[in-house]
Amino acid sequence: MQIDIQARQFSLTDALRSHAERRLRSTLTCCDEHIQRVVMRLSDINGPRGGEDKCCHLQVVLAGLPDVVVEDIEADMYVAIDRATDRTGRTVVRKIDRQKTLLRQTPPLESKTEVSDLE
């Protein structure tokens, strides 16, 4: 699983990067074979003014399925990362399970043979 973590409007510390990677890997390991890439964009919307403005935007690129995009805004970046990764993990598992269910329910194509009357 390829993980790309980007920070906007603030500097990304090693502690924050390792926390984000650890959370992503622990949450998404069960679906690793379906995930092509994960992009995490972390931003501080209001800058130094404070408030609930720490944003974690996650995009998970899945093989053969639409991307999963989740965003969470909190006062603390660690909380935003935790909540966004938890929601993303549940959504990815649900999408993959739904695809597997649909594939099992699809009836096989019946081969049609033409019968011609020979008189």
Protein backbone atom coordinates (compact mmCIF):
# COMPACT_ATOMS: atom_id res chain seq x y z
CA MET A 1 0.00 0.00 0.00
CA GLN A 2 1.47 3.31 -1.11
CA ILE A 3 0.87 6.10 1.44
CA ASP A 4 1.36 9.78 0.59
CA ILE A 5 1.04 12.26 3.48
CA GLN A 6 1.01 15.97 2.67
CA ALA A 7 0.82 18.97 5.03
CA ARG A 8 -0.57 22.34 4.00
CA GLN A 9 -0.29 25.61 5.93
CA PHE A 10 1.85 24.03 8.67
CA SER A 11 4.99 21.94 9.11
CA LEU A 12 4.54 18.19 9.45
CA THR A 13 6.42 16.81 12.45
CA ASP A 14 7.94 13.33 12.54
CA ALA A 15 5.61 12.38 15.41
CA LEU A 16 2.51 13.42 13.46
CA ARG A 17 3.70 11.62 10.31
CA SER A 18 4.43 8.38 12.18
CA HIS A 19 1.06 8.58 13.99
CA ALA A 20 -0.76 9.04 10.67
CA GLU A 21 1.11 6.16 8.99
CA ARG A 22 0.57 3.85 11.97
CA ARG A 23 -3.18 4.60 12.04
CA LEU A 24 -3.55 4.08 8.28
CA ARG A 25 -1.65 0.81 8.26
CA SER A 26 -3.49 -0.62 11.27
CA THR A 27 -6.91 0.40 9.91
CA LEU A 28 -6.43 -0.56 6.25
CA THR A 29 -4.19 -3.66 6.45
CA CYS A 30 -7.18 -6.00 6.11
CA CYS A 31 -7.95 -4.53 2.67
CA ASP A 32 -4.37 -4.08 1.50
CA GLU A 33 -4.78 -6.17 -1.67
CA HIS A 34 -7.62 -3.91 -2.88
CA ILE A 35 -5.90 -0.58 -2.13
CA GLN A 36 -3.65 0.97 -4.73
CA ARG A 37 -2.81 4.24 -3.01
CA VAL A 38 -3.73 6.38 0.01
CA VAL A 39 -3.36 10.17 -0.05
CA MET A 40 -3.68 12.06 3.25
CA ARG A 41 -3.77 15.86 3.18
CA LEU A 42 -3.45 17.58 6.54
CA SER A 43 -4.19 21.28 6.81
CA ASP A 44 -4.69 24.04 9.36
CA ILE A 45 -7.56 26.06 7.90
CA ASN A 46 -7.45 29.11 10.22
CA GLY A 47 -3.71 29.06 10.82
CA PRO A 48 -2.57 30.41 14.20
CA ARG A 49 -6.05 31.75 15.12
CA GLY A 50 -7.02 28.34 16.52
CA GLY A 51 -10.42 26.74 16.78
CA GLU A 52 -11.82 23.62 15.14
CA ASP A 53 -9.78 24.00 12.02
CA LYS A 54 -7.44 21.00 11.77
CA CYS A 55 -8.49 19.11 8.65
CA CYS A 56 -7.60 15.55 7.66
CA HIS A 57 -8.63 14.75 4.08
CA LEU A 58 -8.20 11.10 3.03
CA GLN A 59 -8.47 9.63 -0.45
CA VAL A 60 -8.17 5.86 -0.89
CA VAL A 61 -7.74 4.64 -4.46
CA LEU A 62 -9.26 1.17 -4.83
CA ALA A 63 -8.73 -1.29 -7.66
CA GLY A 64 -11.90 -1.56 -9.75
CA LEU A 65 -14.01 0.62 -7.43
CA PRO A 66 -14.62 4.36 -7.01
CA ASP A 67 -12.25 6.18 -4.65
CA VAL A 68 -13.19 6.56 -1.00
CA VAL A 69 -12.89 10.17 0.16
CA VAL A 70 -13.33 11.14 3.81
CA GLU A 71 -12.69 14.45 5.54
CA ASP A 72 -12.74 15.30 9.23
CA ILE A 73 -12.24 18.67 10.94
CA GLU A 74 -11.35 18.88 14.62
CA ALA A 75 -9.57 21.17 17.07
CA ASP A 76 -6.72 18.62 17.41
CA MET A 77 -4.93 17.15 14.38
CA TYR A 78 -4.39 13.77 16.07
CA VAL A 79 -8.13 13.46 16.74
CA ALA A 80 -8.90 14.47 13.12
CA ILE A 81 -6.52 11.76 11.85
CA ASP A 82 -8.00 9.11 14.17
CA ARG A 83 -11.60 9.88 13.24
CA ALA A 84 -10.91 10.13 9.51
CA THR A 85 -8.96 6.86 9.39
CA ASP A 86 -11.64 5.02 11.39
CA ARG A 87 -14.41 6.22 9.06
CA THR A 88 -12.28 5.45 6.01
CA GLY A 89 -11.56 1.91 7.22
CA ARG A 90 -15.26 1.17 7.77
CA THR A 91 -16.18 2.64 4.38
CA VAL A 92 -13.50 0.71 2.49
CA VAL A 93 -14.49 -2.59 4.13
CA ARG A 94 -18.18 -1.92 3.35
CA LYS A 95 -17.43 -1.14 -0.33
CA ILE A 96 -15.28 -4.23 -0.78
CA ASP A 97 -17.84 -6.47 0.94
CA ARG A 98 -20.61 -5.01 -1.22
CA GLN A 99 -18.59 -5.73 -4.38
CA LYS A 100 -17.94 -9.32 -3.28
CA THR A 101 -21.64 -9.82 -2.53
CA LEU A 102 -22.66 -8.45 -5.92
CA LEU A 103 -20.15 -10.68 -7.69
CA ARG A 104 -21.52 -13.76 -5.89
CA GLN A 105 -25.12 -12.85 -6.75
CA THR A 106 -24.48 -12.27 -10.46
CA PRO A 107 -25.74 -15.31 -12.36
CA PRO A 108 -23.37 -16.84 -14.88
CA LEU A 109 -24.05 -16.12 -18.51
CA GLU A 110 -25.96 -18.91 -20.17
CA SER A 111 -24.63 -20.08 -23.46
CA LYS A 112 -27.26 -19.97 -26.15
CA THR A 113 -27.12 -22.36 -29.00
CA GLU A 114 -29.19 -21.84 -32.03
CA VAL A 115 -31.24 -24.74 -33.20
CA SER A 116 -32.16 -24.70 -36.83
CA ASP A 117 -34.84 -26.86 -38.32
CA LEU A 118 -33.49 -28.99 -41.05
CA GLU A 119 -36.41 -30.13 -43.17
